[in-house]
Each structure stands twice: as structure tokens, then as C-alpha cells.
Amino acid sequence: MNKIFNILVAVIALTVMAPGHAEVNKKDLECLARNIYYEAGMESEEGKAAVGLVTINRSRDEKFPKSICGVVSQKTVRSHYKTVSVTKVQHDSIGRKKLVTEDHTVVTSQTICQFSWQCQPVSKIDKNDERWDSSLQVARELLEGGYDNLREKFADVMYFHNTKVRPAWAKQKQRIEKIGSHIFYADKD
């Protein structure tokens, strides 16, 4: 009797954990769908899923925030220090002019967003737009464990960029695939 009960519990647990049965966190779903919408709203379903997988993969990697919303909103502030020499005219105690050079450190900061739309003005999402519906559907399926074939190929993919740009960091990464207008990368071994 006890053995039958244990088997029944195991079958129920496997059913609940199977793709399509996972409980989806609404906040993660919204953040993932927004990222897919703004980064890949015009892409194919595969392109949307690939962008979503990068977001999910990052949330599972120690180099990035631990939640999907944390990954999507992650910003890095880089400070640049520059020494500037300023020459001033000063007068000594008897009125003679004297040039004095002083060094000053100038600090400039630059905010870098992991996803470009986070640092740019974007239009509000029209919840009746089919691109939003598609982004939301892809996000839900990803969070429920779907897209097995793409999930295997993109298991280590952490980065992507639009084909219109050539970021310097891409040279240090391993190119995995181009889908639509995005190129996807993993860290080199």
C-alpha cells in the first residue's frame, strides 16, 4: 500500500513539473515579455524565444542578478577618471604675475544598460498589439519549460546584439547563431 502511494505521488509530481504545468510567476512573466517585446517584437517566434532564453540563462548565472526582472533592469555605472591641468594667472605678494598649473581629476559616469530599451525612451506597450500577445505567449511558454530544441542549442548563450551594431565585446565571445536581426553568443571556453 505504501509503495503504491509513493508511486502515485511521484507520478503526480512529474506531471506537475512537466512543461506546460509549471506555475509561472506573474512578475517574471511580465518582465520577460516586456524584454522580448522591446528587444525582439518584430522577430520570428524563434527570435523572440532566443532573446527570452538569454534573459532566463542570465538569471541562472552567478554573474547576473538572480531574478528575471533583475536581469532585465540591470544597469552598470562606469566611471572614467581623467586628470586635467588648469593653468591660472596668480599675483605674488608684490604684484608680479605668475603662472600656476593645478591638476584636477574629472570624473564622468556612464550608465550602461544590459538591454538597450532600458536606457532609451520607448513607447508604452499597446496590450492589444499582436506583438505584445506573441511576446507574452513566448515568455509564458519559456517559463513553463517549452522550446526544448532551442533550449538545448542555447543552453550557454548569455549575449546577443542587433546586426546593425558591432560591439567590441563580441570579439571575446563565441558566436552561436544568427536569428533574424540578432546574433547570439556564449562565453568562450
Protein backbone atom coordinates (compact mmCIF):
# COMPACT_ATOMS: atom_id res chain seq x y z
CA MET A 1 0.00 0.00 0.00
CA ASN A 2 2.79 2.42 0.96
CA LYS A 3 4.66 1.58 -2.27
CA ILE A 4 1.59 2.36 -4.39
CA PHE A 5 1.15 5.67 -2.56
CA ASN A 6 4.80 6.62 -3.25
CA ILE A 7 4.44 5.77 -6.95
CA LEU A 8 1.25 7.82 -7.16
CA VAL A 9 2.94 10.83 -5.51
CA ALA A 10 5.89 10.51 -7.94
CA VAL A 11 3.58 10.39 -10.98
CA ILE A 12 1.68 13.48 -9.79
CA ALA A 13 4.96 15.33 -9.11
CA LEU A 14 6.30 14.50 -12.59
CA THR A 15 3.05 15.64 -14.18
CA VAL A 16 3.10 18.94 -12.31
CA MET A 17 6.76 19.58 -13.20
CA ALA A 18 6.32 18.72 -16.89
CA PRO A 19 6.40 21.53 -19.47
CA GLY A 20 3.05 23.27 -19.58
CA HIS A 21 2.33 22.56 -15.92
CA ALA A 22 4.84 24.77 -14.14
CA GLU A 23 3.39 27.64 -12.15
CA VAL A 24 4.50 30.90 -13.72
CA ASN A 25 5.46 33.87 -11.56
CA LYS A 26 3.40 36.80 -12.93
CA LYS A 27 6.14 39.38 -12.25
CA ASP A 28 8.77 37.29 -14.08
CA LEU A 29 6.32 36.72 -16.92
CA GLU A 30 5.68 40.46 -17.31
CA CYS A 31 9.41 41.34 -17.18
CA LEU A 32 10.35 38.61 -19.65
CA ALA A 33 7.53 39.50 -22.04
CA ARG A 34 8.49 43.22 -21.93
CA ASN A 35 12.12 42.36 -22.72
CA ILE A 36 11.09 40.12 -25.60
CA TYR A 37 8.68 42.79 -26.88
CA TYR A 38 11.21 45.64 -26.87
CA GLU A 39 14.23 43.61 -28.00
CA ALA A 40 12.58 41.25 -30.49
CA GLY A 41 8.96 42.32 -31.00
CA MET A 42 9.35 42.29 -34.78
CA GLU A 43 11.25 38.99 -34.87
CA SER A 44 10.00 35.49 -35.60
CA GLU A 45 8.81 33.26 -32.77
CA GLU A 46 12.25 31.61 -32.75
CA GLY A 47 13.94 35.04 -32.49
CA LYS A 48 11.68 36.01 -29.60
CA ALA A 49 12.36 32.71 -27.82
CA ALA A 50 16.13 33.10 -28.27
CA VAL A 51 16.06 36.57 -26.68
CA GLY A 52 13.93 35.18 -23.87
CA LEU A 53 16.36 32.32 -23.29
CA VAL A 54 19.28 34.75 -22.95
CA THR A 55 17.30 36.55 -20.25
CA ILE A 56 16.46 33.31 -18.43
CA ASN A 57 20.02 31.98 -18.75
CA ARG A 58 21.38 35.15 -17.18
CA SER A 59 19.03 34.84 -14.21
CA ARG A 60 20.57 31.42 -13.53
CA ASP A 61 24.19 32.60 -13.81
CA GLU A 62 26.11 33.99 -10.84
CA LYS A 63 27.46 36.94 -12.89
CA PHE A 64 23.97 38.40 -13.23
CA PRO A 65 21.03 39.24 -10.93
CA LYS A 66 19.12 36.22 -9.65
CA SER A 67 15.67 37.17 -10.95
CA ILE A 68 14.38 37.73 -14.46
CA CYS A 69 13.24 41.26 -13.53
CA GLY A 70 16.68 41.93 -12.03
CA VAL A 71 18.37 40.80 -15.25
CA VAL A 72 16.08 42.92 -17.42
CA SER A 73 16.60 46.10 -15.39
CA GLN A 74 20.33 45.59 -14.70
CA LYS A 75 22.42 48.69 -15.25
CA THR A 76 26.14 49.18 -14.81
CA VAL A 77 27.68 52.53 -14.00
CA ARG A 78 31.18 53.01 -15.34
CA SER A 79 33.24 55.89 -14.03
CA HIS A 80 36.03 57.37 -16.06
CA TYR A 81 38.76 59.40 -14.37
CA LYS A 82 40.76 61.97 -16.26
CA THR A 83 43.39 64.36 -14.97
CA VAL A 84 43.07 67.85 -16.37
CA SER A 85 45.73 70.52 -15.97
CA VAL A 86 44.48 74.05 -15.46
CA THR A 87 46.85 76.98 -15.72
CA LYS A 88 45.91 80.14 -13.85
CA VAL A 89 47.49 83.54 -13.56
CA GLN A 90 48.23 84.49 -9.97
CA HIS A 91 49.90 87.52 -8.49
CA ASP A 92 52.64 87.22 -5.92
CA SER A 93 52.90 89.46 -2.84
CA ILE A 94 54.46 92.36 -4.77
CA GLY A 95 52.04 92.17 -7.71
CA ARG A 96 54.07 90.20 -10.26
CA LYS A 97 52.14 87.83 -12.47
CA LYS A 98 52.94 84.16 -12.09
CA LEU A 99 51.51 81.14 -13.97
CA VAL A 100 50.41 78.31 -11.71
CA THR A 101 49.34 74.93 -13.06
CA GLU A 102 46.98 72.81 -11.00
CA ASP A 103 45.91 69.25 -11.75
CA HIS A 104 42.26 68.35 -11.23
CA THR A 105 40.63 64.95 -11.50
CA VAL A 106 37.44 64.98 -13.53
CA VAL A 107 35.06 62.08 -13.09
CA THR A 108 32.46 61.24 -15.72
CA SER A 109 29.97 58.44 -15.30
CA GLN A 110 28.24 56.41 -17.95
CA THR A 111 25.23 54.20 -17.32
CA ILE A 112 25.20 51.07 -19.44
CA CYS A 113 22.03 49.03 -19.72
CA GLN A 114 22.21 45.32 -20.43
CA PHE A 115 19.20 45.71 -22.71
CA SER A 116 19.15 48.86 -24.84
CA TRP A 117 15.49 49.72 -24.34
CA GLN A 118 16.11 50.24 -20.62
CA CYS A 119 18.27 53.32 -21.36
CA GLN A 120 16.18 54.76 -24.16
CA PRO A 121 12.76 56.34 -24.28
CA VAL A 122 10.33 53.70 -25.52
CA SER A 123 6.67 53.87 -26.37
CA LYS A 124 4.18 52.36 -23.97
CA ILE A 125 3.16 48.82 -24.84
CA ASP A 126 -0.22 48.54 -26.51
CA LYS A 127 -1.66 45.47 -24.79
CA ASN A 128 -3.90 44.93 -27.85
CA ASP A 129 -0.91 44.74 -30.21
CA GLU A 130 -0.27 41.28 -31.67
CA ARG A 131 3.47 41.76 -31.00
CA TRP A 132 2.66 42.00 -27.28
CA ASP A 133 0.40 38.93 -27.44
CA SER A 134 3.15 36.99 -29.20
CA SER A 135 5.84 38.18 -26.75
CA LEU A 136 3.64 37.25 -23.81
CA GLN A 137 2.88 33.83 -25.28
CA VAL A 138 6.57 33.09 -25.94
CA ALA A 139 7.51 34.26 -22.42
CA ARG A 140 4.86 32.03 -20.84
CA GLU A 141 5.94 29.01 -22.85
CA LEU A 142 9.60 29.60 -21.94
CA LEU A 143 8.78 29.90 -18.24
CA GLU A 144 6.75 26.70 -18.46
CA GLY A 145 9.78 24.85 -19.87
CA GLY A 146 8.90 24.90 -23.57
CA TYR A 147 11.09 25.25 -26.67
CA ASP A 148 13.19 22.15 -25.89
CA ASN A 149 15.10 22.15 -29.20
CA LEU A 150 16.12 25.81 -28.88
CA ARG A 151 16.75 25.44 -25.15
CA GLU A 152 19.41 22.77 -25.83
CA LYS A 153 21.17 24.82 -28.53
CA PHE A 154 21.05 27.99 -26.40
CA ALA A 155 21.95 26.42 -23.04
CA ASP A 156 25.10 28.55 -22.66
CA VAL A 157 24.01 31.63 -24.62
CA MET A 158 24.24 34.79 -22.49
CA TYR A 159 24.60 37.63 -25.00
CA PHE A 160 23.16 38.99 -28.21
CA HIS A 161 23.21 42.14 -30.28
CA ASN A 162 21.43 43.56 -33.27
CA THR A 163 23.15 43.01 -36.62
CA LYS A 164 23.24 46.80 -37.12
CA VAL A 165 25.89 47.19 -34.39
CA ARG A 166 29.33 45.67 -33.82
CA PRO A 167 30.07 45.76 -30.10
CA ALA A 168 33.71 45.34 -29.01
CA TRP A 169 32.76 42.62 -26.52
CA ALA A 170 31.59 40.29 -29.32
CA LYS A 171 35.22 39.53 -30.28
CA GLN A 172 35.76 37.90 -26.88
CA LYS A 173 32.67 35.67 -27.15
CA GLN A 174 31.82 32.52 -29.08
CA ARG A 175 29.28 33.17 -31.82
CA ILE A 176 26.48 30.60 -31.67
CA GLU A 177 23.90 31.64 -34.24
CA LYS A 178 22.20 34.46 -36.12
CA ILE A 179 18.42 34.53 -35.94
CA GLY A 180 16.62 37.36 -37.71
CA SER A 181 18.36 40.61 -36.86
CA HIS A 182 20.22 39.29 -33.79
CA ILE A 183 23.49 37.44 -33.32
CA PHE A 184 23.80 35.26 -30.21
CA TYR A 185 26.93 34.43 -28.22
CA ALA A 186 28.23 32.33 -25.35
CA ASP A 187 31.35 32.81 -23.26
CA LYS A 188 34.43 31.20 -24.80
CA ASP A 189 35.62 28.08 -23.01
